[in-house]
Amino acid sequence: MMHIVLVEPEIPQNTGNIARTCAATGAMLHLIEPLGFELSDKYLKRVGLDYWHMMTYRVYPDWESFLAQNSGAQMYFASTKAQKVYSDIEYPENAYLVFGRETRGLDERLLQANYGRCVRVPMREGARSLNLANSVAVVLFEALRQHGFEGLERSGRLREAEGEPWSDYV
């Protein structure tokens, strides 16, 4: 199982989108306080739609509590300040993918202490950053791809149009 760690997320819609991604992939969501919203926030719940029952999350009062409860976790830190591209890393099956606040990212001291495990999503020069929910999805799906999307559906089916020939849609 992959783990998504959000350090002090600020925007409920982003966290709702990330929760939905976690539900769809089986990743566990870790939320480190302070949060910029209440977990009962209507925007958070609306974005997650009916997926909340499919996901697991934990809330921690601070970074130190998270570390104490997840000792030995193999963590990778997403940052625009990283030198390594997210797709150049070989992620273990139980990787913890750590993301910072929407407005400031992860604390510089945390990045310095873990710089060898910092990753970035490539962007054009001058672009400040991607949306947090998009960044989580990009990095998470690369880690899942590396493990063959284990436990996830890899193919879909079309529904037949009721009483209508398919040629009408071509």
N, C-alpha and C. Protein backbone atom coordinates (compact mmCIF):
# COMPACT_ATOMS: atom_id res chain seq x y z
N MET A 1 0.84 -1.18 0.00
CA MET A 1 0.00 0.00 0.00
C MET A 1 0.88 1.24 0.00
N MET A 2 0.54 2.17 -0.84
CA MET A 2 1.23 3.46 -0.87
C MET A 2 0.60 4.38 0.17
N HIS A 3 1.36 5.36 0.60
CA HIS A 3 0.91 6.31 1.61
C HIS A 3 1.11 7.72 1.08
N ILE A 4 0.09 8.55 1.23
CA ILE A 4 0.18 9.97 0.88
C ILE A 4 0.16 10.74 2.19
N VAL A 5 1.16 11.61 2.36
CA VAL A 5 1.29 12.41 3.58
C VAL A 5 1.14 13.88 3.19
N LEU A 6 0.16 14.54 3.78
CA LEU A 6 -0.04 15.98 3.54
C LEU A 6 0.33 16.71 4.82
N VAL A 7 1.36 17.54 4.74
CA VAL A 7 1.82 18.31 5.88
C VAL A 7 1.13 19.67 5.86
N GLU A 8 0.25 19.87 6.81
CA GLU A 8 -0.48 21.13 6.99
C GLU A 8 -1.20 21.60 5.74
N PRO A 9 -2.04 20.74 5.15
CA PRO A 9 -2.79 21.17 3.96
C PRO A 9 -3.73 22.32 4.30
N GLU A 10 -3.95 23.20 3.32
CA GLU A 10 -4.71 24.42 3.59
C GLU A 10 -6.06 24.48 2.88
N ILE A 11 -6.19 23.83 1.75
CA ILE A 11 -7.38 24.01 0.91
C ILE A 11 -8.22 22.74 0.91
N PRO A 12 -9.46 22.80 1.39
CA PRO A 12 -10.27 21.59 1.51
C PRO A 12 -10.53 20.88 0.19
N GLN A 13 -10.70 21.64 -0.90
CA GLN A 13 -10.96 21.01 -2.19
C GLN A 13 -9.78 20.15 -2.64
N ASN A 14 -8.56 20.62 -2.40
CA ASN A 14 -7.39 19.82 -2.76
C ASN A 14 -7.35 18.53 -1.95
N THR A 15 -7.56 18.65 -0.65
CA THR A 15 -7.53 17.45 0.19
C THR A 15 -8.66 16.51 -0.19
N GLY A 16 -9.82 17.04 -0.55
CA GLY A 16 -10.93 16.19 -1.01
C GLY A 16 -10.57 15.44 -2.28
N ASN A 17 -9.93 16.13 -3.22
CA ASN A 17 -9.48 15.46 -4.45
C ASN A 17 -8.45 14.38 -4.15
N ILE A 18 -7.54 14.67 -3.26
CA ILE A 18 -6.51 13.71 -2.88
C ILE A 18 -7.14 12.51 -2.17
N ALA A 19 -8.10 12.76 -1.33
CA ALA A 19 -8.81 11.66 -0.65
C ALA A 19 -9.49 10.75 -1.68
N ARG A 20 -10.07 11.35 -2.68
CA ARG A 20 -10.71 10.56 -3.74
C ARG A 20 -9.67 9.73 -4.50
N THR A 21 -8.52 10.31 -4.78
CA THR A 21 -7.44 9.57 -5.44
C THR A 21 -6.97 8.41 -4.55
N CYS A 22 -6.86 8.66 -3.27
CA CYS A 22 -6.47 7.60 -2.33
C CYS A 22 -7.52 6.49 -2.32
N ALA A 23 -8.78 6.85 -2.33
CA ALA A 23 -9.85 5.84 -2.36
C ALA A 23 -9.77 5.00 -3.62
N ALA A 24 -9.51 5.63 -4.75
CA ALA A 24 -9.48 4.92 -6.03
C ALA A 24 -8.25 4.03 -6.18
N THR A 25 -7.20 4.33 -5.43
CA THR A 25 -5.95 3.58 -5.58
C THR A 25 -5.63 2.69 -4.39
N GLY A 26 -6.34 2.85 -3.30
CA GLY A 26 -6.04 2.08 -2.10
C GLY A 26 -4.92 2.66 -1.27
N ALA A 27 -4.47 3.86 -1.60
CA ALA A 27 -3.42 4.51 -0.82
C ALA A 27 -4.01 5.04 0.49
N MET A 28 -3.20 5.04 1.51
CA MET A 28 -3.63 5.59 2.80
C MET A 28 -3.24 7.06 2.87
N LEU A 29 -4.13 7.88 3.42
CA LEU A 29 -3.90 9.32 3.54
C LEU A 29 -3.53 9.66 4.98
N HIS A 30 -2.43 10.38 5.14
CA HIS A 30 -1.98 10.86 6.44
C HIS A 30 -2.05 12.38 6.42
N LEU A 31 -2.76 12.96 7.37
CA LEU A 31 -2.93 14.41 7.45
C LEU A 31 -2.23 14.92 8.71
N ILE A 32 -1.32 15.86 8.53
CA ILE A 32 -0.58 16.40 9.66
C ILE A 32 -1.07 17.82 9.94
N GLU A 33 -1.54 18.04 11.15
CA GLU A 33 -2.08 19.33 11.56
C GLU A 33 -0.98 20.36 11.76
N PRO A 34 -1.36 21.65 11.72
CA PRO A 34 -2.73 22.14 11.62
C PRO A 34 -3.26 22.05 10.19
N LEU A 35 -4.56 21.78 10.09
CA LEU A 35 -5.24 21.74 8.81
C LEU A 35 -5.88 23.11 8.59
N GLY A 36 -5.98 23.53 7.36
CA GLY A 36 -6.59 24.81 7.04
C GLY A 36 -8.10 24.73 6.91
N PHE A 37 -8.70 23.67 7.46
CA PHE A 37 -10.13 23.42 7.34
C PHE A 37 -10.51 22.37 8.37
N GLU A 38 -11.79 22.17 8.55
CA GLU A 38 -12.31 21.10 9.41
C GLU A 38 -12.55 19.87 8.55
N LEU A 39 -12.36 18.70 9.09
CA LEU A 39 -12.61 17.48 8.31
C LEU A 39 -14.08 17.31 7.97
N SER A 40 -14.94 18.04 8.63
CA SER A 40 -16.37 18.00 8.31
C SER A 40 -16.74 19.03 7.24
N ASP A 41 -15.77 19.76 6.73
CA ASP A 41 -16.00 20.82 5.75
C ASP A 41 -16.81 20.30 4.57
N LYS A 42 -17.85 21.04 4.19
CA LYS A 42 -18.72 20.60 3.09
C LYS A 42 -17.98 20.53 1.76
N TYR A 43 -17.00 21.40 1.55
CA TYR A 43 -16.23 21.37 0.30
C TYR A 43 -15.35 20.12 0.21
N LEU A 44 -14.76 19.77 1.34
CA LEU A 44 -13.94 18.57 1.41
C LEU A 44 -14.78 17.34 1.08
N LYS A 45 -15.93 17.23 1.69
CA LYS A 45 -16.81 16.08 1.49
C LYS A 45 -17.39 16.07 0.07
N ARG A 46 -17.75 17.23 -0.46
CA ARG A 46 -18.35 17.30 -1.79
C ARG A 46 -17.39 16.81 -2.86
N VAL A 47 -16.12 17.20 -2.78
CA VAL A 47 -15.14 16.79 -3.78
C VAL A 47 -14.91 15.28 -3.70
N GLY A 48 -14.90 14.73 -2.49
CA GLY A 48 -14.69 13.30 -2.32
C GLY A 48 -15.91 12.48 -2.71
N LEU A 49 -17.05 13.13 -2.88
CA LEU A 49 -18.31 12.49 -3.26
C LEU A 49 -18.58 11.26 -2.41
N ASP A 50 -18.88 10.16 -3.04
CA ASP A 50 -19.24 8.96 -2.29
C ASP A 50 -18.06 8.01 -2.11
N TYR A 51 -16.86 8.54 -2.14
CA TYR A 51 -15.66 7.71 -2.02
C TYR A 51 -15.12 7.61 -0.59
N TRP A 52 -15.65 8.39 0.34
CA TRP A 52 -15.06 8.45 1.67
C TRP A 52 -15.04 7.09 2.36
N HIS A 53 -16.04 6.28 2.12
CA HIS A 53 -16.07 4.96 2.77
C HIS A 53 -15.00 4.02 2.21
N MET A 54 -14.40 4.36 1.07
CA MET A 54 -13.41 3.51 0.42
C MET A 54 -11.98 3.85 0.83
N MET A 55 -11.81 4.88 1.62
CA MET A 55 -10.44 5.30 1.95
C MET A 55 -10.19 5.28 3.44
N THR A 56 -8.90 5.20 3.77
CA THR A 56 -8.47 5.21 5.16
C THR A 56 -7.56 6.41 5.36
N TYR A 57 -7.77 7.12 6.46
CA TYR A 57 -6.90 8.25 6.74
C TYR A 57 -6.63 8.32 8.25
N ARG A 58 -5.53 8.98 8.56
CA ARG A 58 -5.16 9.24 9.96
C ARG A 58 -4.76 10.71 10.07
N VAL A 59 -5.02 11.26 11.23
CA VAL A 59 -4.68 12.65 11.49
C VAL A 59 -3.67 12.68 12.64
N TYR A 60 -2.65 13.50 12.52
CA TYR A 60 -1.60 13.62 13.52
C TYR A 60 -1.51 15.08 13.95
N PRO A 61 -1.26 15.34 15.23
CA PRO A 61 -1.20 16.73 15.69
C PRO A 61 0.02 17.49 15.19
N ASP A 62 1.10 16.76 14.81
CA ASP A 62 2.31 17.43 14.32
C ASP A 62 3.23 16.41 13.66
N TRP A 63 4.30 16.92 13.05
CA TRP A 63 5.26 16.08 12.32
C TRP A 63 5.90 15.04 13.24
N GLU A 64 6.24 15.45 14.45
CA GLU A 64 6.89 14.54 15.38
C GLU A 64 5.99 13.36 15.73
N SER A 65 4.72 13.59 15.91
CA SER A 65 3.76 12.50 16.19
C SER A 65 3.66 11.56 15.00
N PHE A 66 3.65 12.13 13.80
CA PHE A 66 3.61 11.31 12.60
C PHE A 66 4.84 10.40 12.54
N LEU A 67 6.02 10.97 12.77
CA LEU A 67 7.25 10.18 12.74
C LEU A 67 7.23 9.08 13.80
N ALA A 68 6.78 9.40 14.99
CA ALA A 68 6.75 8.41 16.07
C ALA A 68 5.84 7.23 15.73
N GLN A 69 4.74 7.50 15.04
CA GLN A 69 3.79 6.43 14.71
C GLN A 69 4.11 5.73 13.39
N ASN A 70 5.09 6.23 12.66
CA ASN A 70 5.45 5.64 11.37
C ASN A 70 6.96 5.46 11.27
N SER A 71 7.57 5.04 12.35
CA SER A 71 9.03 4.88 12.34
C SER A 71 9.42 3.82 11.30
N GLY A 72 10.51 4.08 10.64
CA GLY A 72 10.99 3.17 9.61
C GLY A 72 10.35 3.36 8.25
N ALA A 73 9.42 4.31 8.14
CA ALA A 73 8.76 4.56 6.85
C ALA A 73 9.79 5.06 5.84
N GLN A 74 9.69 4.57 4.61
CA GLN A 74 10.55 5.03 3.53
C GLN A 74 9.86 6.21 2.84
N MET A 75 10.34 7.40 3.14
CA MET A 75 9.67 8.61 2.68
C MET A 75 10.38 9.28 1.52
N TYR A 76 9.55 9.89 0.66
CA TYR A 76 10.01 10.68 -0.48
C TYR A 76 9.28 12.00 -0.42
N PHE A 77 10.01 13.09 -0.58
CA PHE A 77 9.50 14.42 -0.34
C PHE A 77 9.36 15.19 -1.65
N ALA A 78 8.15 15.60 -1.97
CA ALA A 78 7.89 16.32 -3.22
C ALA A 78 8.14 17.81 -3.01
N SER A 79 8.95 18.37 -3.90
CA SER A 79 9.27 19.79 -3.78
C SER A 79 9.76 20.33 -5.12
N THR A 80 9.42 21.57 -5.39
CA THR A 80 9.96 22.24 -6.58
C THR A 80 11.45 22.51 -6.42
N LYS A 81 11.98 22.36 -5.22
CA LYS A 81 13.40 22.61 -4.95
C LYS A 81 14.27 21.37 -5.13
N ALA A 82 13.64 20.23 -5.43
CA ALA A 82 14.37 18.97 -5.59
C ALA A 82 15.15 18.94 -6.89
N GLN A 83 16.22 18.15 -6.91
CA GLN A 83 17.03 17.96 -8.11
C GLN A 83 16.60 16.73 -8.89
N LYS A 84 16.01 15.74 -8.24
CA LYS A 84 15.64 14.49 -8.89
C LYS A 84 14.21 14.55 -9.42
N VAL A 85 14.00 13.97 -10.58
CA VAL A 85 12.66 13.88 -11.16
C VAL A 85 11.94 12.68 -10.53
N TYR A 86 10.67 12.83 -10.23
CA TYR A 86 9.90 11.80 -9.54
C TYR A 86 9.94 10.45 -10.25
N SER A 87 10.06 10.43 -11.56
CA SER A 87 10.03 9.18 -12.32
C SER A 87 11.40 8.49 -12.36
N ASP A 88 12.43 9.12 -11.82
CA ASP A 88 13.76 8.52 -11.78
C ASP A 88 14.00 7.73 -10.49
N ILE A 89 13.03 7.68 -9.62
CA ILE A 89 13.15 7.00 -8.33
C ILE A 89 12.47 5.64 -8.42
N GLU A 90 13.05 4.64 -7.76
CA GLU A 90 12.40 3.34 -7.62
C GLU A 90 11.73 3.33 -6.24
N TYR A 91 10.40 3.38 -6.24
CA TYR A 91 9.65 3.47 -5.00
C TYR A 91 9.39 2.07 -4.43
N PRO A 92 9.60 1.89 -3.14
CA PRO A 92 9.24 0.61 -2.52
C PRO A 92 7.71 0.48 -2.46
N GLU A 93 7.24 -0.74 -2.21
CA GLU A 93 5.79 -0.98 -2.20
C GLU A 93 5.04 -0.17 -1.16
N ASN A 94 5.66 0.14 -0.06
CA ASN A 94 5.00 0.90 1.01
C ASN A 94 5.58 2.30 1.16
N ALA A 95 5.85 2.95 0.04
CA ALA A 95 6.45 4.28 0.09
C ALA A 95 5.49 5.29 0.70
N TYR A 96 6.07 6.25 1.41
CA TYR A 96 5.34 7.39 1.95
C TYR A 96 5.72 8.59 1.10
N LEU A 97 4.76 9.14 0.37
CA LEU A 97 4.98 10.29 -0.51
C LEU A 97 4.51 11.53 0.24
N VAL A 98 5.43 12.41 0.55
CA VAL A 98 5.17 13.53 1.44
C VAL A 98 5.06 14.83 0.64
N PHE A 99 3.98 15.58 0.90
CA PHE A 99 3.69 16.83 0.20
C PHE A 99 3.41 17.92 1.22
N GLY A 100 3.81 19.15 0.88
CA GLY A 100 3.64 20.28 1.80
C GLY A 100 2.43 21.13 1.51
N ARG A 101 2.35 22.22 2.23
CA ARG A 101 1.25 23.17 2.09
C ARG A 101 1.18 23.75 0.69
N GLU A 102 -0.01 24.11 0.29
CA GLU A 102 -0.22 24.69 -1.03
C GLU A 102 0.55 26.00 -1.21
N THR A 103 0.65 26.81 -0.17
CA THR A 103 1.25 28.14 -0.31
C THR A 103 2.75 28.17 -0.09
N ARG A 104 3.31 27.20 0.65
CA ARG A 104 4.73 27.27 0.97
C ARG A 104 5.49 25.96 0.78
N GLY A 105 4.80 24.88 0.51
CA GLY A 105 5.48 23.60 0.36
C GLY A 105 5.99 23.08 1.69
N LEU A 106 6.99 22.21 1.62
CA LEU A 106 7.58 21.62 2.82
C LEU A 106 8.64 22.54 3.41
N ASP A 107 8.82 22.46 4.70
CA ASP A 107 9.81 23.27 5.40
C ASP A 107 11.21 22.99 4.83
N GLU A 108 11.96 24.03 4.61
CA GLU A 108 13.30 23.92 4.02
C GLU A 108 14.23 23.04 4.86
N ARG A 109 14.10 23.09 6.17
CA ARG A 109 14.95 22.24 7.03
C ARG A 109 14.64 20.77 6.82
N LEU A 110 13.38 20.44 6.63
CA LEU A 110 12.97 19.04 6.36
C LEU A 110 13.56 18.60 5.02
N LEU A 111 13.50 19.47 4.03
CA LEU A 111 14.06 19.15 2.72
C LEU A 111 15.58 18.95 2.81
N GLN A 112 16.26 19.83 3.52
CA GLN A 112 17.72 19.71 3.66
C GLN A 112 18.09 18.40 4.33
N ALA A 113 17.36 18.00 5.35
CA ALA A 113 17.66 16.78 6.09
C ALA A 113 17.39 15.52 5.26
N ASN A 114 16.58 15.65 4.21
CA ASN A 114 16.19 14.49 3.40
C ASN A 114 16.41 14.72 1.92
N TYR A 115 17.38 15.57 1.57
CA TYR A 115 17.52 16.03 0.19
C TYR A 115 17.73 14.89 -0.81
N GLY A 116 18.35 13.81 -0.40
CA GLY A 116 18.57 12.68 -1.30
C GLY A 116 17.28 11.96 -1.67
N ARG A 117 16.20 12.22 -0.93
CA ARG A 117 14.91 11.58 -1.21
C ARG A 117 13.85 12.61 -1.59
N CYS A 118 14.31 13.75 -2.09
CA CYS A 118 13.38 14.78 -2.58
C CYS A 118 13.19 14.60 -4.08
N VAL A 119 11.95 14.75 -4.53
CA VAL A 119 11.61 14.58 -5.95
C VAL A 119 10.78 15.75 -6.43
N ARG A 120 10.83 15.96 -7.73
CA ARG A 120 10.05 17.05 -8.32
C ARG A 120 9.36 16.59 -9.59
N VAL A 121 8.29 17.27 -9.93
CA VAL A 121 7.62 17.09 -11.20
C VAL A 121 8.18 18.17 -12.13
N PRO A 122 8.74 17.79 -13.28
CA PRO A 122 9.30 18.80 -14.17
C PRO A 122 8.23 19.79 -14.67
N MET A 123 8.62 21.04 -14.76
CA MET A 123 7.73 22.10 -15.24
C MET A 123 8.53 23.10 -16.06
N ARG A 124 7.83 23.91 -16.79
CA ARG A 124 8.47 24.99 -17.54
C ARG A 124 9.07 26.00 -16.58
N GLU A 125 10.14 26.63 -17.01
CA GLU A 125 10.73 27.70 -16.22
C GLU A 125 9.70 28.80 -16.03
N GLY A 126 9.65 29.32 -14.84
CA GLY A 126 8.71 30.40 -14.54
C GLY A 126 7.40 29.92 -13.94
N ALA A 127 7.09 28.62 -14.10
CA ALA A 127 5.89 28.08 -13.47
C ALA A 127 6.22 27.81 -12.00
N ARG A 128 5.46 28.38 -11.10
CA ARG A 128 5.76 28.26 -9.67
C ARG A 128 5.57 26.84 -9.17
N SER A 129 4.41 26.25 -9.47
CA SER A 129 4.15 24.88 -9.03
C SER A 129 2.86 24.39 -9.66
N LEU A 130 2.65 23.09 -9.56
CA LEU A 130 1.37 22.48 -9.97
C LEU A 130 0.41 22.51 -8.79
N ASN A 131 -0.84 22.30 -9.07
CA ASN A 131 -1.84 22.14 -8.01
C ASN A 131 -1.45 20.93 -7.18
N LEU A 132 -1.65 21.00 -5.87
CA LEU A 132 -1.26 19.94 -4.96
C LEU A 132 -1.91 18.60 -5.32
N ALA A 133 -3.20 18.60 -5.60
CA ALA A 133 -3.89 17.35 -5.93
C ALA A 133 -3.32 16.74 -7.21
N ASN A 134 -2.98 17.57 -8.19
CA ASN A 134 -2.38 17.07 -9.43
C ASN A 134 -1.00 16.48 -9.16
N SER A 135 -0.20 17.15 -8.36
CA SER A 135 1.14 16.65 -8.03
C SER A 135 1.06 15.30 -7.33
N VAL A 136 0.14 15.17 -6.39
CA VAL A 136 -0.03 13.89 -5.69
C VAL A 136 -0.36 12.80 -6.68
N ALA A 137 -1.31 13.06 -7.58
CA ALA A 137 -1.72 12.04 -8.55
C ALA A 137 -0.57 11.64 -9.46
N VAL A 138 0.20 12.61 -9.93
CA VAL A 138 1.31 12.31 -10.84
C VAL A 138 2.33 11.39 -10.16
N VAL A 139 2.76 11.74 -8.97
CA VAL A 139 3.79 10.97 -8.27
C VAL A 139 3.24 9.62 -7.82
N LEU A 140 2.03 9.60 -7.28
CA LEU A 140 1.43 8.35 -6.82
C LEU A 140 1.27 7.35 -7.96
N PHE A 141 0.78 7.80 -9.10
CA PHE A 141 0.57 6.87 -10.20
C PHE A 141 1.88 6.35 -10.78
N GLU A 142 2.95 7.11 -10.68
CA GLU A 142 4.26 6.57 -11.09
C GLU A 142 4.68 5.46 -10.14
N ALA A 143 4.52 5.68 -8.86
CA ALA A 143 4.88 4.63 -7.89
C ALA A 143 4.01 3.39 -8.09
N LEU A 144 2.73 3.57 -8.35
CA LEU A 144 1.84 2.43 -8.61
C LEU A 144 2.20 1.73 -9.91
N ARG A 145 2.56 2.50 -10.94
CA ARG A 145 2.96 1.90 -12.22
C ARG A 145 4.16 0.99 -12.03
N GLN A 146 5.10 1.43 -11.23
CA GLN A 146 6.31 0.64 -11.00
C GLN A 146 6.00 -0.72 -10.37
N HIS A 147 4.85 -0.82 -9.73
CA HIS A 147 4.45 -2.09 -9.10
C HIS A 147 3.31 -2.75 -9.85
N GLY A 148 3.19 -2.42 -11.14
CA GLY A 148 2.22 -3.08 -12.00
C GLY A 148 0.77 -2.77 -11.67
N PHE A 149 0.53 -1.64 -11.02
CA PHE A 149 -0.84 -1.26 -10.61
C PHE A 149 -1.51 -2.39 -9.83
N GLU A 150 -0.73 -3.05 -8.99
CA GLU A 150 -1.23 -4.19 -8.21
C GLU A 150 -2.52 -3.84 -7.46
N GLY A 151 -3.52 -4.68 -7.62
CA GLY A 151 -4.79 -4.50 -6.95
C GLY A 151 -5.74 -3.52 -7.63
N LEU A 152 -5.33 -2.94 -8.74
CA LEU A 152 -6.17 -1.97 -9.44
C LEU A 152 -6.66 -2.55 -10.76
N GLU A 153 -7.86 -2.16 -11.16
CA GLU A 153 -8.37 -2.61 -12.46
C GLU A 153 -7.54 -1.98 -13.56
N ARG A 154 -7.13 -2.81 -14.52
CA ARG A 154 -6.27 -2.32 -15.61
C ARG A 154 -7.00 -2.22 -16.93
N SER A 155 -8.25 -2.63 -16.99
CA SER A 155 -9.00 -2.51 -18.24
C SER A 155 -10.45 -2.21 -17.91
N GLY A 156 -11.14 -1.65 -18.89
CA GLY A 156 -12.55 -1.30 -18.71
C GLY A 156 -13.39 -1.86 -19.83
N ARG A 157 -14.68 -1.60 -19.76
CA ARG A 157 -15.62 -2.08 -20.77
C ARG A 157 -16.57 -0.95 -21.14
N LEU A 158 -16.97 -0.94 -22.40
CA LEU A 158 -17.99 0.01 -22.85
C LEU A 158 -19.35 -0.56 -22.55
N ARG A 159 -20.28 0.29 -22.20
CA ARG A 159 -21.67 -0.13 -22.07
C ARG A 159 -22.28 -0.08 -23.46
N GLU A 160 -23.12 -1.02 -23.77
CA GLU A 160 -23.81 -0.97 -25.06
C GLU A 160 -24.91 0.07 -24.97
N ALA A 161 -25.02 0.86 -26.01
CA ALA A 161 -26.09 1.84 -26.05
C ALA A 161 -27.40 1.09 -26.22
N GLU A 162 -28.37 1.41 -25.39
CA GLU A 162 -29.64 0.68 -25.41
C GLU A 162 -30.42 0.98 -26.68
N GLY A 163 -30.55 -0.02 -27.53
CA GLY A 163 -31.35 0.09 -28.74
C GLY A 163 -30.75 0.98 -29.82
N GLU A 164 -29.55 1.46 -29.63
CA GLU A 164 -28.95 2.33 -30.63
C GLU A 164 -27.72 1.65 -31.23
N PRO A 165 -27.62 1.65 -32.54
CA PRO A 165 -26.43 1.05 -33.15
C PRO A 165 -25.21 1.93 -32.90
N TRP A 166 -24.06 1.27 -32.66
CA TRP A 166 -22.83 1.99 -32.40
C TRP A 166 -22.42 2.86 -33.57
N SER A 167 -22.78 2.47 -34.77
CA SER A 167 -22.34 3.24 -35.94
C SER A 167 -22.86 4.69 -35.90
N ASP A 168 -23.93 4.95 -35.15
CA ASP A 168 -24.44 6.31 -35.04
C ASP A 168 -23.48 7.24 -34.32
N TYR A 169 -22.52 6.65 -33.57
CA TYR A 169 -21.61 7.46 -32.77
C TYR A 169 -20.24 7.63 -33.41
N VAL A 170 -20.07 7.04 -34.60
CA VAL A 170 -18.76 7.07 -35.24
C VAL A 170 -18.71 8.19 -36.25
